[in-house]
Amino acid sequence: MLGHDRTGDGSVREVEEFRFHPNQIRALETGEGIVSIPHFKGVKVVKLRFKKREDIAPLRLPRVLKEPIADLSNKYPKKSKTSSGQGRVATGDLKTTEGKKNETNA
Protein backbone atom coordinates (compact mmCIF):
# COMPACT_ATOMS: atom_id res chain seq x y z
CA MET A 1 0.00 0.00 0.00
CA LEU A 2 1.66 3.12 -1.16
CA GLY A 3 0.90 6.40 0.53
CA HIS A 4 -0.90 4.82 3.46
CA ASP A 5 0.32 5.84 6.93
CA ARG A 6 -1.76 3.53 9.13
CA THR A 7 0.35 2.10 11.91
CA GLY A 8 -2.35 0.18 13.70
CA ASP A 9 -1.86 2.35 16.77
CA GLY A 10 -5.12 3.70 17.98
CA SER A 11 -5.99 6.11 20.69
CA VAL A 12 -7.07 4.02 23.65
CA ARG A 13 -8.20 6.02 26.63
CA GLU A 14 -8.37 4.46 30.07
CA VAL A 15 -11.58 5.29 31.83
CA GLU A 16 -11.96 5.00 35.57
CA GLU A 17 -14.84 2.81 36.56
CA PHE A 18 -16.26 3.41 40.03
CA ARG A 19 -17.63 0.53 42.06
CA PHE A 20 -19.73 3.09 43.92
CA HIS A 21 -20.71 6.37 42.36
CA PRO A 22 -19.21 9.38 44.19
CA ASN A 23 -22.74 10.70 44.79
CA GLN A 24 -23.56 7.49 46.70
CA ILE A 25 -20.55 8.08 48.97
CA ARG A 26 -21.39 11.77 49.35
CA ALA A 27 -24.98 10.93 50.34
CA LEU A 28 -23.88 8.73 53.26
CA GLU A 29 -24.61 10.14 56.69
CA THR A 30 -22.45 9.80 59.78
CA GLY A 31 -22.34 6.15 60.82
CA GLU A 32 -23.39 4.77 57.43
CA GLY A 33 -21.30 2.67 55.10
CA ILE A 34 -21.39 0.59 51.94
CA VAL A 35 -20.16 -3.01 52.09
CA SER A 36 -19.57 -5.21 49.06
CA ILE A 37 -19.76 -8.94 49.73
CA PRO A 38 -18.21 -11.10 46.98
CA HIS A 39 -19.60 -14.61 46.44
CA PHE A 40 -19.71 -17.20 43.66
CA LYS A 41 -22.76 -15.64 41.94
CA GLY A 42 -21.37 -12.11 41.92
CA VAL A 43 -21.06 -9.26 44.38
CA LYS A 44 -23.78 -8.19 46.77
CA VAL A 45 -23.74 -4.52 47.78
CA VAL A 46 -25.27 -3.60 51.13
CA LYS A 47 -25.78 -0.13 52.58
CA LEU A 48 -25.82 -0.26 56.37
CA ARG A 49 -25.82 1.92 59.48
CA PHE A 50 -23.37 1.23 62.30
CA LYS A 51 -24.38 1.42 65.96
CA LYS A 52 -23.22 4.53 67.75
CA ARG A 53 -20.61 3.90 70.43
CA GLU A 54 -19.61 6.09 73.33
CA ASP A 55 -16.40 8.06 72.93
CA ILE A 56 -13.29 6.51 74.43
CA ALA A 57 -11.70 8.50 77.23
CA PRO A 58 -8.42 10.11 76.12
CA LEU A 59 -5.26 8.39 77.32
CA ARG A 60 -2.38 10.63 78.35
CA LEU A 61 0.95 9.29 77.11
CA PRO A 62 3.91 9.44 79.51
CA ARG A 63 6.63 11.92 78.61
CA VAL A 64 9.89 10.21 77.70
CA LEU A 65 13.07 12.15 78.39
CA LYS A 66 15.98 11.33 76.13
CA GLU A 67 19.62 11.95 76.85
CA PRO A 68 21.51 13.76 74.08
CA ILE A 69 24.02 11.69 72.14
CA ALA A 70 27.47 12.69 73.41
CA ASP A 71 29.09 12.77 69.95
CA LEU A 72 26.40 14.97 68.42
CA SER A 73 25.87 17.26 71.42
CA ASN A 74 29.55 18.23 71.36
CA LYS A 75 29.71 18.56 67.59
CA TYR A 76 26.42 20.46 67.13
CA PRO A 77 25.65 22.52 70.27
CA LYS A 78 22.12 23.90 70.60
CA LYS A 79 21.68 27.57 69.74
CA SER A 80 19.26 29.93 71.43
CA LYS A 81 18.00 33.28 70.21
CA THR A 82 19.00 36.46 72.03
CA SER A 83 16.96 39.65 72.09
CA SER A 84 19.01 41.03 69.17
CA GLY A 85 18.07 38.01 67.05
CA GLN A 86 21.65 36.69 66.94
CA GLY A 87 22.12 33.02 67.79
CA ARG A 88 24.36 32.01 70.64
CA VAL A 89 25.45 28.67 72.02
CA ALA A 90 23.47 27.56 75.06
CA THR A 91 25.58 26.59 78.07
CA GLY A 92 24.80 25.28 81.53
CA ASP A 93 22.69 22.52 82.98
CA LEU A 94 19.57 20.98 81.48
CA LYS A 95 16.41 20.97 83.60
CA THR A 96 14.02 18.02 83.61
CA THR A 97 10.27 18.39 83.91
CA GLU A 98 10.45 17.87 87.69
CA GLY A 99 12.74 20.90 88.05
CA LYS A 100 15.83 18.84 88.92
CA LYS A 101 19.10 19.63 87.16
CA ASN A 102 21.03 17.14 85.04
CA GLU A 103 24.54 17.76 83.84
CA THR A 104 25.13 17.54 80.10
CA ASN A 105 27.72 15.22 78.59
CA ALA A 106 30.26 17.93 77.91
C-alpha atoms as a PDB file:
ATOM      1  CA  MET A   1       0.000   0.000   0.000  1.00  0.00           C
ATOM      2  CA  LEU A   2       1.660   3.116  -1.165  1.00  0.00           C
ATOM      3  CA  GLY A   3       0.902   6.398   0.531  1.00  0.00           C
ATOM      4  CA  HIS A   4      -0.897   4.819   3.460  1.00  0.00           C
ATOM      5  CA  ASP A   5       0.325   5.844   6.926  1.00  0.00           C
ATOM      6  CA  ARG A   6      -1.758   3.533   9.126  1.00  0.00           C
ATOM      7  CA  THR A   7       0.351   2.100  11.909  1.00  0.00           C
ATOM      8  CA  GLY A   8      -2.351   0.176  13.702  1.00  0.00           C
ATOM      9  CA  ASP A   9      -1.865   2.352  16.769  1.00  0.00           C
ATOM     10  CA  GLY A  10      -5.121   3.704  17.977  1.00  0.00           C
ATOM     11  CA  SER A  11      -5.986   6.115  20.686  1.00  0.00           C
ATOM     12  CA  VAL A  12      -7.070   4.024  23.649  1.00  0.00           C
ATOM     13  CA  ARG A  13      -8.198   6.023  26.631  1.00  0.00           C
ATOM     14  CA  GLU A  14      -8.369   4.464  30.065  1.00  0.00           C
ATOM     15  CA  VAL A  15     -11.582   5.286  31.828  1.00  0.00           C
ATOM     16  CA  GLU A  16     -11.960   4.997  35.574  1.00  0.00           C
ATOM     17  CA  GLU A  17     -14.845   2.811  36.563  1.00  0.00           C
ATOM     18  CA  PHE A  18     -16.261   3.413  40.028  1.00  0.00           C
ATOM     19  CA  ARG A  19     -17.632   0.534  42.058  1.00  0.00           C
ATOM     20  CA  PHE A  20     -19.731   3.089  43.916  1.00  0.00           C
ATOM     21  CA  HIS A  21     -20.713   6.373  42.356  1.00  0.00           C
ATOM     22  CA  PRO A  22     -19.212   9.379  44.194  1.00  0.00           C
ATOM     23  CA  ASN A  23     -22.742  10.696  44.786  1.00  0.00           C
ATOM     24  CA  GLN A  24     -23.556   7.490  46.697  1.00  0.00           C
ATOM     25  CA  ILE A  25     -20.555   8.079  48.966  1.00  0.00           C
ATOM     26  CA  ARG A  26     -21.386  11.768  49.350  1.00  0.00           C
ATOM     27  CA  ALA A  27     -24.976  10.930  50.335  1.00  0.00           C
ATOM     28  CA  LEU A  28     -23.878   8.733  53.257  1.00  0.00           C
ATOM     29  CA  GLU A  29     -24.612  10.139  56.685  1.00  0.00           C
ATOM     30  CA  THR A  30     -22.449   9.800  59.781  1.00  0.00           C
ATOM     31  CA  GLY A  31     -22.336   6.152  60.822  1.00  0.00           C
ATOM     32  CA  GLU A  32     -23.395   4.770  57.429  1.00  0.00           C
ATOM     33  CA  GLY A  33     -21.301   2.668  55.098  1.00  0.00           C
ATOM     34  CA  ILE A  34     -21.387   0.587  51.935  1.00  0.00           C
ATOM     35  CA  VAL A  35     -20.159  -3.006  52.094  1.00  0.00           C
ATOM     36  CA  SER A  36     -19.572  -5.209  49.061  1.00  0.00           C
ATOM     37  CA  ILE A  37     -19.758  -8.940  49.725  1.00  0.00           C
ATOM     38  CA  PRO A  38     -18.206 -11.104  46.978  1.00  0.00           C
ATOM     39  CA  HIS A  39     -19.597 -14.610  46.445  1.00  0.00           C
ATOM     40  CA  PHE A  40     -19.710 -17.202  43.663  1.00  0.00           C
ATOM     41  CA  LYS A  41     -22.760 -15.645  41.936  1.00  0.00           C
ATOM     42  CA  GLY A  42     -21.370 -12.108  41.921  1.00  0.00           C
ATOM     43  CA  VAL A  43     -21.059  -9.261  44.377  1.00  0.00           C
ATOM     44  CA  LYS A  44     -23.784  -8.191  46.774  1.00  0.00           C
ATOM     45  CA  VAL A  45     -23.739  -4.523  47.781  1.00  0.00           C
ATOM     46  CA  VAL A  46     -25.266  -3.597  51.132  1.00  0.00           C
ATOM     47  CA  LYS A  47     -25.777  -0.131  52.585  1.00  0.00           C
ATOM     48  CA  LEU A  48     -25.824  -0.259  56.374  1.00  0.00           C
ATOM     49  CA  ARG A  49     -25.819   1.916  59.475  1.00  0.00           C
ATOM     50  CA  PHE A  50     -23.368   1.230  62.298  1.00  0.00           C
ATOM     51  CA  LYS A  51     -24.382   1.418  65.963  1.00  0.00           C
ATOM     52  CA  LYS A  52     -23.222   4.528  67.755  1.00  0.00           C
ATOM     53  CA  ARG A  53     -20.608   3.900  70.432  1.00  0.00           C
ATOM     54  CA  GLU A  54     -19.609   6.088  73.333  1.00  0.00           C
ATOM     55  CA  ASP A  55     -16.399   8.057  72.930  1.00  0.00           C
ATOM     56  CA  ILE A  56     -13.291   6.507  74.432  1.00  0.00           C
ATOM     57  CA  ALA A  57     -11.695   8.504  77.233  1.00  0.00           C
ATOM     58  CA  PRO A  58      -8.420  10.106  76.118  1.00  0.00           C
ATOM     59  CA  LEU A  59      -5.259   8.395  77.322  1.00  0.00           C
ATOM     60  CA  ARG A  60      -2.385  10.630  78.345  1.00  0.00           C
ATOM     61  CA  LEU A  61       0.951   9.294  77.107  1.00  0.00           C
ATOM     62  CA  PRO A  62       3.908   9.439  79.506  1.00  0.00           C
ATOM     63  CA  ARG A  63       6.629  11.916  78.610  1.00  0.00           C
ATOM     64  CA  VAL A  64       9.892  10.214  77.701  1.00  0.00           C
ATOM     65  CA  LEU A  65      13.072  12.152  78.391  1.00  0.00           C
ATOM     66  CA  LYS A  66      15.981  11.327  76.125  1.00  0.00           C
ATOM     67  CA  GLU A  67      19.623  11.948  76.852  1.00  0.00           C
ATOM     68  CA  PRO A  68      21.510  13.758  74.077  1.00  0.00           C
ATOM     69  CA  ILE A  69      24.023  11.688  72.144  1.00  0.00           C
ATOM     70  CA  ALA A  70      27.468  12.686  73.408  1.00  0.00           C
ATOM     71  CA  ASP A  71      29.091  12.767  69.951  1.00  0.00           C
ATOM     72  CA  LEU A  72      26.403  14.974  68.417  1.00  0.00           C
ATOM     73  CA  SER A  73      25.875  17.257  71.419  1.00  0.00           C
ATOM     74  CA  ASN A  74      29.552  18.232  71.361  1.00  0.00           C
ATOM     75  CA  LYS A  75      29.715  18.558  67.585  1.00  0.00           C
ATOM     76  CA  TYR A  76      26.423  20.461  67.127  1.00  0.00           C
ATOM     77  CA  PRO A  77      25.654  22.523  70.266  1.00  0.00           C
ATOM     78  CA  LYS A  78      22.118  23.900  70.599  1.00  0.00           C
ATOM     79  CA  LYS A  79      21.677  27.573  69.743  1.00  0.00           C
ATOM     80  CA  SER A  80      19.259  29.927  71.435  1.00  0.00           C
ATOM     81  CA  LYS A  81      17.995  33.284  70.205  1.00  0.00           C
ATOM     82  CA  THR A  82      18.996  36.462  72.026  1.00  0.00           C
ATOM     83  CA  SER A  83      16.961  39.653  72.087  1.00  0.00           C
ATOM     84  CA  SER A  84      19.007  41.030  69.174  1.00  0.00           C
ATOM     85  CA  GLY A  85      18.070  38.010  67.054  1.00  0.00           C
ATOM     86  CA  GLN A  86      21.649  36.689  66.936  1.00  0.00           C
ATOM     87  CA  GLY A  87      22.116  33.023  67.787  1.00  0.00           C
ATOM     88  CA  ARG A  88      24.363  32.015  70.639  1.00  0.00           C
ATOM     89  CA  VAL A  89      25.446  28.667  72.017  1.00  0.00           C
ATOM     90  CA  ALA A  90      23.466  27.559  75.064  1.00  0.00           C
ATOM     91  CA  THR A  91      25.584  26.590  78.070  1.00  0.00           C
ATOM     92  CA  GLY A  92      24.803  25.276  81.530  1.00  0.00           C
ATOM     93  CA  ASP A  93      22.688  22.516  82.983  1.00  0.00           C
ATOM     94  CA  LEU A  94      19.568  20.976  81.482  1.00  0.00           C
ATOM     95  CA  LYS A  95      16.409  20.969  83.601  1.00  0.00           C
ATOM     96  CA  THR A  96      14.018  18.021  83.608  1.00  0.00           C
ATOM     97  CA  THR A  97      10.266  18.385  83.911  1.00  0.00           C
ATOM     98  CA  GLU A  98      10.450  17.869  87.689  1.00  0.00           C
ATOM     99  CA  GLY A  99      12.737  20.899  88.047  1.00  0.00           C
ATOM    100  CA  LYS A 100      15.833  18.841  88.917  1.00  0.00           C
ATOM    101  CA  LYS A 101      19.099  19.633  87.157  1.00  0.00           C
ATOM    102  CA  ASN A 102      21.027  17.144  85.044  1.00  0.00           C
ATOM    103  CA  GLU A 103      24.539  17.757  83.844  1.00  0.00           C
ATOM    104  CA  THR A 104      25.125  17.539  80.100  1.00  0.00           C
ATOM    105  CA  ASN A 105      27.716  15.221  78.589  1.00  0.00           C
ATOM    106  CA  ALA A 106      30.259  17.934  77.910  1.00  0.00           C
END
